Amino acid sequence: QVQLVESGGGWVQPGGSLRLSCTASGIIFSEYTMNWYRQAPGKQREWVAGITSGDRTNYVDPVKGRFTIARDNAKNMVYLQMNSLKPEDTAVYYCNTIRRHIGLPDVWGRGTQVTVSS
C-alpha cells in the first residue's frame, strides 16, 4: 500500500521555525520527485517546493530563501524546514509525489496544519 504521512505541523509565532516531515511507504522512494504543497483557507492548493531523485530543488517564489526541502532516501523521508514564518504561510501542508506520467495515481498525504500567528 502506497502511503505518505506528514508530521511536524503546529502553531508558531511570526518569525519562528518549523520542520515538517513526510514518511513514504510502498514506493521505491529514491526514484521519485517529492513535493510539498499547501492549502490555505478559502484558497486553492499550491505547490511549495520539490526535490528530484537527484536532489535538485525548486521553490515557489514567496518561500525562496526561507524554506528548505531535503530528503533522506535511507529513511524514505522528505523534510521541509520552514524559517522566518509569516502569517501568510498558514495552511495545511501536504506531501506529494506525482506518478501520472508513468500511468499510476499521484500520491498525497493527509496533511499537517501549520498556523503562524501572534
N, C-alpha and C. Protein backbone atom coordinates (compact mmCIF):
# COMPACT_ATOMS: atom_id res chain seq x y z
N GLN A 1 0.84 -1.20 0.00
CA GLN A 1 0.00 0.00 0.00
C GLN A 1 0.88 1.25 0.00
N VAL A 2 0.63 2.13 -0.96
CA VAL A 2 1.40 3.36 -1.06
C VAL A 2 0.84 4.37 -0.07
N GLN A 3 1.73 4.98 0.71
CA GLN A 3 1.27 5.90 1.74
C GLN A 3 2.30 6.98 2.00
N LEU A 4 1.81 8.20 2.22
CA LEU A 4 2.63 9.32 2.66
C LEU A 4 2.02 9.86 3.93
N VAL A 5 2.83 10.03 4.96
CA VAL A 5 2.35 10.50 6.26
C VAL A 5 3.17 11.70 6.70
N GLU A 6 2.50 12.85 6.86
CA GLU A 6 3.17 14.07 7.30
C GLU A 6 3.13 14.21 8.81
N SER A 7 4.11 14.94 9.34
CA SER A 7 4.13 15.29 10.75
C SER A 7 4.92 16.58 10.92
N GLY A 8 4.80 17.16 12.12
CA GLY A 8 5.62 18.32 12.44
C GLY A 8 4.92 19.66 12.38
N GLY A 9 3.65 19.67 12.01
CA GLY A 9 2.93 20.93 11.99
C GLY A 9 2.63 21.43 13.39
N GLY A 10 2.09 22.63 13.45
CA GLY A 10 1.74 23.20 14.75
C GLY A 10 1.56 24.69 14.66
N TRP A 11 1.56 25.32 15.83
CA TRP A 11 1.42 26.77 15.92
C TRP A 11 2.77 27.39 16.21
N VAL A 12 3.05 28.49 15.55
CA VAL A 12 4.31 29.19 15.76
C VAL A 12 4.07 30.69 15.58
N GLN A 13 4.81 31.49 16.28
CA GLN A 13 4.70 32.94 16.13
C GLN A 13 5.42 33.40 14.87
N PRO A 14 5.01 34.53 14.32
CA PRO A 14 5.73 35.07 13.15
C PRO A 14 7.23 35.18 13.42
N GLY A 15 8.01 34.80 12.43
CA GLY A 15 9.46 34.78 12.59
C GLY A 15 10.01 33.47 13.09
N GLY A 16 9.14 32.58 13.52
CA GLY A 16 9.57 31.30 14.05
C GLY A 16 9.84 30.27 12.96
N SER A 17 10.16 29.06 13.42
CA SER A 17 10.54 27.97 12.52
C SER A 17 9.78 26.70 12.85
N LEU A 18 9.57 25.89 11.84
CA LEU A 18 9.03 24.54 12.00
C LEU A 18 9.71 23.65 10.97
N ARG A 19 9.80 22.37 11.29
CA ARG A 19 10.27 21.39 10.32
C ARG A 19 9.20 20.34 10.11
N LEU A 20 8.73 20.22 8.90
CA LEU A 20 7.77 19.20 8.54
C LEU A 20 8.50 17.96 8.04
N SER A 21 7.93 16.81 8.34
CA SER A 21 8.48 15.54 7.87
C SER A 21 7.41 14.76 7.15
N CYS A 22 7.84 13.95 6.20
CA CYS A 22 6.92 13.09 5.46
C CYS A 22 7.59 11.74 5.29
N THR A 23 6.91 10.70 5.75
CA THR A 23 7.43 9.34 5.63
C THR A 23 6.66 8.61 4.54
N ALA A 24 7.41 8.01 3.62
CA ALA A 24 6.80 7.30 2.49
C ALA A 24 6.93 5.80 2.68
N SER A 25 5.92 5.08 2.21
CA SER A 25 5.97 3.62 2.21
C SER A 25 5.26 3.12 0.96
N GLY A 26 5.68 1.96 0.51
CA GLY A 26 5.03 1.33 -0.63
C GLY A 26 5.54 1.78 -1.99
N ILE A 27 6.56 2.63 -2.00
CA ILE A 27 7.16 3.07 -3.26
C ILE A 27 8.68 2.95 -3.15
N ILE A 28 9.34 2.90 -4.30
CA ILE A 28 10.81 2.96 -4.31
C ILE A 28 11.17 4.43 -4.20
N PHE A 29 11.24 4.90 -2.96
CA PHE A 29 11.28 6.32 -2.65
C PHE A 29 12.37 7.07 -3.42
N SER A 30 13.53 6.47 -3.51
CA SER A 30 14.68 7.17 -4.10
C SER A 30 14.47 7.51 -5.56
N GLU A 31 13.51 6.88 -6.21
CA GLU A 31 13.31 7.09 -7.64
C GLU A 31 12.36 8.25 -7.95
N TYR A 32 11.70 8.79 -6.92
CA TYR A 32 10.63 9.75 -7.16
C TYR A 32 11.00 11.17 -6.76
N THR A 33 10.51 12.12 -7.56
CA THR A 33 10.49 13.51 -7.13
C THR A 33 9.43 13.65 -6.04
N MET A 34 9.77 14.34 -4.98
CA MET A 34 8.85 14.57 -3.86
C MET A 34 8.53 16.06 -3.77
N ASN A 35 7.30 16.34 -3.44
CA ASN A 35 6.83 17.72 -3.38
C ASN A 35 6.14 18.01 -2.05
N TRP A 36 6.14 19.29 -1.71
CA TRP A 36 5.27 19.81 -0.66
C TRP A 36 4.32 20.81 -1.31
N TYR A 37 3.04 20.67 -0.97
CA TYR A 37 2.00 21.61 -1.38
C TYR A 37 1.39 22.20 -0.10
N ARG A 38 0.63 23.26 -0.26
CA ARG A 38 -0.12 23.80 0.87
C ARG A 38 -1.45 24.36 0.38
N GLN A 39 -2.40 24.37 1.31
CA GLN A 39 -3.71 24.93 1.00
C GLN A 39 -4.17 25.78 2.18
N ALA A 40 -4.29 27.07 1.93
CA ALA A 40 -4.78 28.00 2.95
C ALA A 40 -6.30 28.05 2.88
N PRO A 41 -6.95 28.46 3.97
CA PRO A 41 -8.41 28.53 3.99
C PRO A 41 -8.95 29.40 2.85
N GLY A 42 -9.89 28.86 2.08
CA GLY A 42 -10.51 29.61 1.01
C GLY A 42 -9.67 29.76 -0.25
N LYS A 43 -8.52 29.09 -0.28
CA LYS A 43 -7.63 29.20 -1.44
C LYS A 43 -7.39 27.84 -2.06
N GLN A 44 -6.91 27.86 -3.31
CA GLN A 44 -6.56 26.62 -3.97
C GLN A 44 -5.26 26.07 -3.43
N ARG A 45 -5.10 24.77 -3.54
CA ARG A 45 -3.85 24.13 -3.14
C ARG A 45 -2.75 24.62 -4.08
N GLU A 46 -1.60 24.95 -3.52
CA GLU A 46 -0.48 25.43 -4.33
C GLU A 46 0.78 24.63 -4.03
N TRP A 47 1.57 24.45 -5.07
CA TRP A 47 2.86 23.79 -4.93
C TRP A 47 3.83 24.73 -4.19
N VAL A 48 4.60 24.18 -3.27
CA VAL A 48 5.52 24.97 -2.46
C VAL A 48 6.97 24.67 -2.79
N ALA A 49 7.32 23.39 -2.87
CA ALA A 49 8.72 23.02 -3.08
C ALA A 49 8.77 21.59 -3.61
N GLY A 50 9.86 21.29 -4.32
CA GLY A 50 10.06 19.95 -4.83
C GLY A 50 11.52 19.57 -4.81
N ILE A 51 11.79 18.28 -4.71
CA ILE A 51 13.15 17.77 -4.75
C ILE A 51 13.15 16.52 -5.62
N THR A 52 14.05 16.50 -6.61
CA THR A 52 14.10 15.38 -7.54
C THR A 52 14.87 14.21 -6.95
N SER A 53 14.88 13.11 -7.67
CA SER A 53 15.66 11.95 -7.24
C SER A 53 17.15 12.27 -7.21
N GLY A 54 17.56 13.26 -7.97
CA GLY A 54 18.95 13.69 -7.99
C GLY A 54 19.24 14.86 -7.07
N ASP A 55 18.31 15.15 -6.14
CA ASP A 55 18.46 16.21 -5.14
C ASP A 55 18.42 17.63 -5.71
N ARG A 56 17.87 17.77 -6.90
CA ARG A 56 17.66 19.12 -7.42
C ARG A 56 16.41 19.69 -6.76
N THR A 57 16.49 20.91 -6.26
CA THR A 57 15.37 21.52 -5.53
C THR A 57 14.83 22.73 -6.27
N ASN A 58 13.57 23.03 -5.98
CA ASN A 58 12.94 24.21 -6.55
C ASN A 58 11.85 24.67 -5.59
N TYR A 59 11.57 25.97 -5.62
CA TYR A 59 10.65 26.57 -4.65
C TYR A 59 9.75 27.59 -5.33
N VAL A 60 8.56 27.75 -4.78
CA VAL A 60 7.70 28.85 -5.21
C VAL A 60 8.32 30.14 -4.69
N ASP A 61 8.17 31.22 -5.43
CA ASP A 61 8.87 32.46 -5.10
C ASP A 61 8.66 32.96 -3.67
N PRO A 62 7.44 32.93 -3.12
CA PRO A 62 7.24 33.51 -1.78
C PRO A 62 8.02 32.81 -0.66
N VAL A 63 8.51 31.60 -0.89
CA VAL A 63 9.21 30.89 0.17
C VAL A 63 10.71 30.78 -0.08
N LYS A 64 11.16 31.24 -1.22
CA LYS A 64 12.59 31.15 -1.53
C LYS A 64 13.41 31.91 -0.49
N GLY A 65 14.46 31.25 -0.03
CA GLY A 65 15.30 31.85 0.99
C GLY A 65 14.83 31.61 2.41
N ARG A 66 13.61 31.11 2.57
CA ARG A 66 13.07 30.84 3.91
C ARG A 66 12.83 29.35 4.14
N PHE A 67 12.43 28.63 3.11
CA PHE A 67 12.13 27.20 3.22
C PHE A 67 13.23 26.39 2.55
N THR A 68 13.49 25.21 3.09
CA THR A 68 14.46 24.28 2.51
C THR A 68 13.86 22.88 2.49
N ILE A 69 13.85 22.28 1.31
CA ILE A 69 13.39 20.90 1.18
C ILE A 69 14.60 19.98 1.12
N ALA A 70 14.50 18.83 1.75
CA ALA A 70 15.59 17.86 1.76
C ALA A 70 15.00 16.46 1.85
N ARG A 71 15.80 15.48 1.49
CA ARG A 71 15.33 14.10 1.54
C ARG A 71 16.39 13.19 2.13
N ASP A 72 15.93 12.10 2.73
CA ASP A 72 16.80 11.06 3.26
C ASP A 72 16.31 9.75 2.68
N ASN A 73 16.95 9.29 1.62
CA ASN A 73 16.48 8.08 0.94
C ASN A 73 16.61 6.84 1.82
N ALA A 74 17.56 6.83 2.72
CA ALA A 74 17.74 5.67 3.60
C ALA A 74 16.55 5.52 4.55
N LYS A 75 15.90 6.63 4.87
CA LYS A 75 14.77 6.61 5.79
C LYS A 75 13.42 6.77 5.08
N ASN A 76 13.45 6.92 3.76
CA ASN A 76 12.22 7.16 2.99
C ASN A 76 11.48 8.40 3.50
N MET A 77 12.24 9.45 3.75
CA MET A 77 11.65 10.66 4.31
C MET A 77 12.03 11.90 3.50
N VAL A 78 11.10 12.84 3.48
CA VAL A 78 11.35 14.16 2.91
C VAL A 78 10.96 15.19 3.96
N TYR A 79 11.72 16.27 4.00
CA TYR A 79 11.54 17.28 5.03
C TYR A 79 11.30 18.65 4.39
N LEU A 80 10.65 19.51 5.16
CA LEU A 80 10.52 20.91 4.76
C LEU A 80 10.87 21.76 5.98
N GLN A 81 12.05 22.35 5.95
CA GLN A 81 12.46 23.27 7.02
C GLN A 81 11.93 24.65 6.67
N MET A 82 11.13 25.20 7.57
CA MET A 82 10.49 26.49 7.32
C MET A 82 10.97 27.49 8.36
N ASN A 83 11.66 28.51 7.91
CA ASN A 83 12.18 29.56 8.77
C ASN A 83 11.52 30.89 8.45
N SER A 84 11.66 31.83 9.35
CA SER A 84 11.10 33.18 9.16
C SER A 84 9.64 33.11 8.72
N LEU A 85 8.89 32.31 9.44
CA LEU A 85 7.50 32.08 9.05
C LEU A 85 6.67 33.34 9.17
N LYS A 86 5.71 33.46 8.26
CA LYS A 86 4.81 34.61 8.19
C LYS A 86 3.37 34.14 8.34
N PRO A 87 2.48 35.02 8.76
CA PRO A 87 1.06 34.61 8.86
C PRO A 87 0.52 34.05 7.55
N GLU A 88 0.99 34.55 6.43
CA GLU A 88 0.50 34.06 5.14
C GLU A 88 0.99 32.65 4.80
N ASP A 89 1.88 32.10 5.63
CA ASP A 89 2.29 30.70 5.47
C ASP A 89 1.31 29.75 6.13
N THR A 90 0.34 30.28 6.85
CA THR A 90 -0.65 29.44 7.50
C THR A 90 -1.43 28.63 6.46
N ALA A 91 -1.43 27.32 6.63
CA ALA A 91 -2.07 26.43 5.66
C ALA A 91 -1.96 25.00 6.15
N VAL A 92 -2.68 24.12 5.47
CA VAL A 92 -2.43 22.69 5.62
C VAL A 92 -1.37 22.32 4.58
N TYR A 93 -0.33 21.67 5.04
CA TYR A 93 0.79 21.29 4.17
C TYR A 93 0.69 19.81 3.84
N TYR A 94 0.84 19.51 2.55
CA TYR A 94 0.69 18.14 2.05
C TYR A 94 1.97 17.67 1.38
N CYS A 95 2.30 16.44 1.64
CA CYS A 95 3.39 15.75 0.95
C CYS A 95 2.80 15.06 -0.27
N ASN A 96 3.58 15.01 -1.35
CA ASN A 96 3.05 14.50 -2.61
C ASN A 96 4.14 13.93 -3.48
N THR A 97 3.79 12.93 -4.26
CA THR A 97 4.63 12.52 -5.36
C THR A 97 3.75 12.29 -6.59
N ILE A 98 4.23 12.74 -7.72
CA ILE A 98 3.50 12.64 -8.98
C ILE A 98 3.89 11.36 -9.68
N ARG A 99 2.87 10.56 -10.05
CA ARG A 99 3.16 9.31 -10.74
C ARG A 99 2.36 9.15 -12.02
N ARG A 100 1.55 10.18 -12.37
CA ARG A 100 0.66 10.03 -13.53
C ARG A 100 1.44 9.85 -14.83
N HIS A 101 2.66 10.37 -14.87
CA HIS A 101 3.47 10.26 -16.08
C HIS A 101 3.92 8.84 -16.35
N ILE A 102 3.78 7.96 -15.34
CA ILE A 102 4.11 6.55 -15.54
C ILE A 102 2.86 5.69 -15.41
N GLY A 103 1.69 6.35 -15.53
CA GLY A 103 0.44 5.60 -15.57
C GLY A 103 -0.08 5.15 -14.22
N LEU A 104 0.44 5.75 -13.16
CA LEU A 104 0.00 5.39 -11.80
C LEU A 104 -0.62 6.61 -11.13
N PRO A 105 -1.46 6.39 -10.14
CA PRO A 105 -2.07 7.53 -9.45
C PRO A 105 -1.04 8.35 -8.69
N ASP A 106 -1.25 9.69 -8.65
CA ASP A 106 -0.46 10.52 -7.76
C ASP A 106 -0.75 10.12 -6.33
N VAL A 107 0.19 10.40 -5.43
CA VAL A 107 0.03 10.03 -4.03
C VAL A 107 0.07 11.29 -3.17
N TRP A 108 -0.89 11.40 -2.28
CA TRP A 108 -0.98 12.53 -1.36
C TRP A 108 -1.06 12.04 0.08
N GLY A 109 -0.41 12.78 0.98
CA GLY A 109 -0.63 12.57 2.40
C GLY A 109 -1.91 13.25 2.84
N ARG A 110 -2.24 13.09 4.12
CA ARG A 110 -3.46 13.69 4.66
C ARG A 110 -3.25 15.15 5.07
N GLY A 111 -2.02 15.56 5.19
CA GLY A 111 -1.73 16.94 5.52
C GLY A 111 -1.44 17.17 6.98
N THR A 112 -0.73 18.27 7.24
CA THR A 112 -0.45 18.70 8.60
C THR A 112 -0.66 20.21 8.67
N GLN A 113 -1.33 20.66 9.72
CA GLN A 113 -1.70 22.07 9.84
C GLN A 113 -0.53 22.89 10.36
N VAL A 114 -0.25 23.98 9.70
CA VAL A 114 0.73 24.97 10.16
C VAL A 114 -0.01 26.29 10.38
N THR A 115 0.09 26.82 11.58
CA THR A 115 -0.56 28.08 11.91
C THR A 115 0.49 29.07 12.41
N VAL A 116 0.57 30.21 11.75
CA VAL A 116 1.53 31.25 12.12
C VAL A 116 0.74 32.47 12.57
N SER A 117 0.80 32.76 13.85
CA SER A 117 0.07 33.92 14.38
C SER A 117 0.68 34.33 15.70
N SER A 118 0.39 35.56 16.08
CA SER A 118 0.87 36.07 17.36
C SER A 118 -0.26 36.02 18.38
